[in-house]
Amino acid sequence: MKEGIHPTVYKVDAECVCGAKYKTFSTSDKVRVDICAACHPFFTGQEKIIDTEGRVERFKRRYNMK
């Protein structure tokens, strides 16, 4: 490998906005993420629906879902 062309790799704590921290490697010295395994709806089982035009409500009404 050529000398001097590879970036420096740091051991960092990746920090989520929910407060969870994970140890990882990165070429950046600080890592902040918006969503992680501790707060992602797929892993937590909590449903987050962002509906600005009422599409979800219309779907639920149409198919009699509660």
N, C-alpha and C. Protein backbone atom coordinates (compact mmCIF):
# COMPACT_ATOMS: atom_id res chain seq x y z
N MET A 1 0.83 -1.18 0.00
CA MET A 1 0.00 0.00 0.00
C MET A 1 0.88 1.24 0.00
N LYS A 2 0.34 2.28 -0.62
CA LYS A 2 1.09 3.53 -0.65
C LYS A 2 1.01 4.23 0.69
N GLU A 3 2.09 4.87 1.04
CA GLU A 3 2.16 5.61 2.30
C GLU A 3 1.50 6.98 2.15
N GLY A 4 0.78 7.41 3.20
CA GLY A 4 0.26 8.77 3.25
C GLY A 4 -1.04 9.02 2.51
N ILE A 5 -1.67 8.02 1.89
CA ILE A 5 -2.91 8.29 1.17
C ILE A 5 -4.14 7.81 1.94
N HIS A 6 -3.95 7.07 3.01
CA HIS A 6 -5.07 6.52 3.75
C HIS A 6 -5.46 7.46 4.89
N PRO A 7 -6.76 7.59 5.15
CA PRO A 7 -7.19 8.50 6.23
C PRO A 7 -6.88 7.91 7.61
N THR A 8 -6.82 8.78 8.58
CA THR A 8 -6.61 8.35 9.96
C THR A 8 -7.90 7.78 10.51
N VAL A 9 -7.82 6.64 11.19
CA VAL A 9 -9.00 6.01 11.76
C VAL A 9 -8.95 6.19 13.28
N TYR A 10 -10.08 6.66 13.84
CA TYR A 10 -10.18 6.93 15.26
C TYR A 10 -11.12 5.93 15.93
N LYS A 11 -10.86 5.63 17.21
CA LYS A 11 -11.83 4.92 18.03
C LYS A 11 -12.74 5.98 18.63
N VAL A 12 -14.04 5.92 18.33
CA VAL A 12 -14.97 6.96 18.78
C VAL A 12 -16.19 6.35 19.46
N ASP A 13 -16.89 7.18 20.21
CA ASP A 13 -18.19 6.82 20.75
C ASP A 13 -19.24 7.48 19.86
N ALA A 14 -19.99 6.68 19.12
CA ALA A 14 -21.08 7.21 18.32
C ALA A 14 -22.23 7.49 19.27
N GLU A 15 -22.74 8.72 19.25
CA GLU A 15 -23.78 9.13 20.19
C GLU A 15 -25.06 9.45 19.45
N CYS A 16 -26.15 8.85 19.91
CA CYS A 16 -27.47 9.08 19.32
C CYS A 16 -28.15 10.23 20.06
N VAL A 17 -29.15 10.84 19.43
CA VAL A 17 -29.88 11.92 20.10
C VAL A 17 -30.68 11.41 21.29
N CYS A 18 -30.97 10.10 21.33
CA CYS A 18 -31.69 9.54 22.48
C CYS A 18 -30.77 9.34 23.68
N GLY A 19 -29.46 9.47 23.49
CA GLY A 19 -28.50 9.35 24.58
C GLY A 19 -27.69 8.07 24.57
N ALA A 20 -28.03 7.13 23.71
CA ALA A 20 -27.29 5.87 23.64
C ALA A 20 -25.91 6.12 23.02
N LYS A 21 -24.92 5.39 23.50
CA LYS A 21 -23.55 5.52 22.98
C LYS A 21 -23.04 4.16 22.56
N TYR A 22 -22.34 4.13 21.43
CA TYR A 22 -21.77 2.90 20.89
C TYR A 22 -20.32 3.14 20.53
N LYS A 23 -19.46 2.20 20.85
CA LYS A 23 -18.05 2.30 20.47
C LYS A 23 -17.89 1.78 19.04
N THR A 24 -17.16 2.54 18.22
CA THR A 24 -16.95 2.16 16.83
C THR A 24 -15.68 2.82 16.32
N PHE A 25 -15.37 2.59 15.07
CA PHE A 25 -14.23 3.21 14.41
C PHE A 25 -14.74 4.15 13.33
N SER A 26 -14.05 5.26 13.13
CA SER A 26 -14.48 6.22 12.13
C SER A 26 -13.29 7.07 11.68
N THR A 27 -13.42 7.64 10.50
CA THR A 27 -12.40 8.58 10.03
C THR A 27 -12.67 9.97 10.56
N SER A 28 -13.82 10.16 11.20
CA SER A 28 -14.17 11.41 11.85
C SER A 28 -13.95 11.25 13.35
N ASP A 29 -13.56 12.32 14.03
CA ASP A 29 -13.28 12.18 15.45
C ASP A 29 -14.53 12.26 16.32
N LYS A 30 -15.68 12.71 15.78
CA LYS A 30 -16.95 12.74 16.50
C LYS A 30 -18.04 12.18 15.59
N VAL A 31 -18.92 11.36 16.16
CA VAL A 31 -20.03 10.79 15.39
C VAL A 31 -21.32 10.98 16.17
N ARG A 32 -22.29 11.67 15.56
CA ARG A 32 -23.63 11.82 16.15
C ARG A 32 -24.63 11.31 15.12
N VAL A 33 -25.59 10.50 15.59
CA VAL A 33 -26.61 9.96 14.70
C VAL A 33 -27.98 10.37 15.20
N ASP A 34 -28.96 10.40 14.28
CA ASP A 34 -30.32 10.79 14.63
C ASP A 34 -31.13 9.64 15.19
N ILE A 35 -30.83 8.43 14.77
CA ILE A 35 -31.62 7.28 15.20
C ILE A 35 -30.70 6.07 15.30
N CYS A 36 -30.95 5.22 16.29
CA CYS A 36 -30.11 4.05 16.51
C CYS A 36 -30.99 2.85 16.84
N ALA A 37 -30.38 1.73 17.16
CA ALA A 37 -31.12 0.51 17.47
C ALA A 37 -31.93 0.65 18.75
N ALA A 38 -31.53 1.55 19.64
CA ALA A 38 -32.25 1.73 20.89
C ALA A 38 -33.53 2.54 20.72
N CYS A 39 -33.63 3.35 19.67
CA CYS A 39 -34.82 4.20 19.50
C CYS A 39 -35.51 4.01 18.15
N HIS A 40 -35.01 3.14 17.29
CA HIS A 40 -35.63 2.93 15.98
C HIS A 40 -36.94 2.16 16.15
N PRO A 41 -38.02 2.58 15.49
CA PRO A 41 -39.32 1.92 15.66
C PRO A 41 -39.31 0.43 15.30
N PHE A 42 -38.50 0.01 14.37
CA PHE A 42 -38.45 -1.40 14.00
C PHE A 42 -37.97 -2.26 15.17
N PHE A 43 -36.98 -1.78 15.92
CA PHE A 43 -36.42 -2.54 17.02
C PHE A 43 -37.21 -2.37 18.32
N THR A 44 -37.85 -1.21 18.51
CA THR A 44 -38.58 -0.96 19.75
C THR A 44 -40.02 -1.44 19.70
N GLY A 45 -40.56 -1.60 18.50
CA GLY A 45 -41.95 -2.02 18.35
C GLY A 45 -42.94 -0.88 18.47
N GLN A 46 -42.46 0.33 18.65
CA GLN A 46 -43.34 1.50 18.72
C GLN A 46 -43.54 2.04 17.32
N GLU A 47 -44.78 2.38 17.01
CA GLU A 47 -45.12 2.85 15.68
C GLU A 47 -45.02 4.37 15.64
N LYS A 48 -44.27 4.87 14.67
CA LYS A 48 -44.19 6.31 14.45
C LYS A 48 -44.70 6.57 13.04
N ILE A 49 -45.79 7.32 12.94
CA ILE A 49 -46.33 7.66 11.63
C ILE A 49 -46.33 9.17 11.51
N ILE A 50 -45.68 9.65 10.48
CA ILE A 50 -45.68 11.08 10.20
C ILE A 50 -46.60 11.28 9.01
N ASP A 51 -47.76 11.87 9.26
CA ASP A 51 -48.79 12.01 8.24
C ASP A 51 -49.22 13.46 8.18
N THR A 52 -48.86 14.15 7.12
CA THR A 52 -49.21 15.57 7.02
C THR A 52 -50.45 15.79 6.16
N GLU A 53 -50.82 14.83 5.35
CA GLU A 53 -51.96 15.04 4.45
C GLU A 53 -53.16 14.17 4.79
N GLY A 54 -53.15 13.48 5.91
CA GLY A 54 -54.29 12.68 6.31
C GLY A 54 -54.43 11.36 5.56
N ARG A 55 -53.39 10.91 4.93
CA ARG A 55 -53.46 9.67 4.15
C ARG A 55 -53.69 8.45 5.01
N VAL A 56 -53.04 8.40 6.17
CA VAL A 56 -53.20 7.25 7.06
C VAL A 56 -54.62 7.19 7.58
N GLU A 57 -55.16 8.32 8.01
CA GLU A 57 -56.54 8.35 8.50
C GLU A 57 -57.52 7.94 7.41
N ARG A 58 -57.32 8.42 6.18
CA ARG A 58 -58.20 8.02 5.08
C ARG A 58 -58.13 6.53 4.82
N PHE A 59 -56.93 5.94 4.89
CA PHE A 59 -56.75 4.50 4.70
C PHE A 59 -57.47 3.72 5.80
N LYS A 60 -57.31 4.16 7.04
CA LYS A 60 -57.96 3.48 8.16
C LYS A 60 -59.47 3.57 8.06
N ARG A 61 -60.00 4.74 7.67
CA ARG A 61 -61.44 4.91 7.50
C ARG A 61 -61.97 4.02 6.39
N ARG A 62 -61.24 3.97 5.29
CA ARG A 62 -61.68 3.21 4.13
C ARG A 62 -61.79 1.72 4.43
N TYR A 63 -60.85 1.21 5.21
CA TYR A 63 -60.81 -0.23 5.47
C TYR A 63 -61.24 -0.58 6.91
N ASN A 64 -61.91 0.34 7.57
CA ASN A 64 -62.44 0.15 8.93
C ASN A 64 -61.39 -0.39 9.89
N MET A 65 -60.24 0.21 9.88
CA MET A 65 -59.18 -0.18 10.81
C MET A 65 -59.22 0.75 12.01
N LYS A 66 -58.84 0.25 13.16
CA LYS A 66 -58.86 1.10 14.36
C LYS A 66 -57.47 1.50 14.75
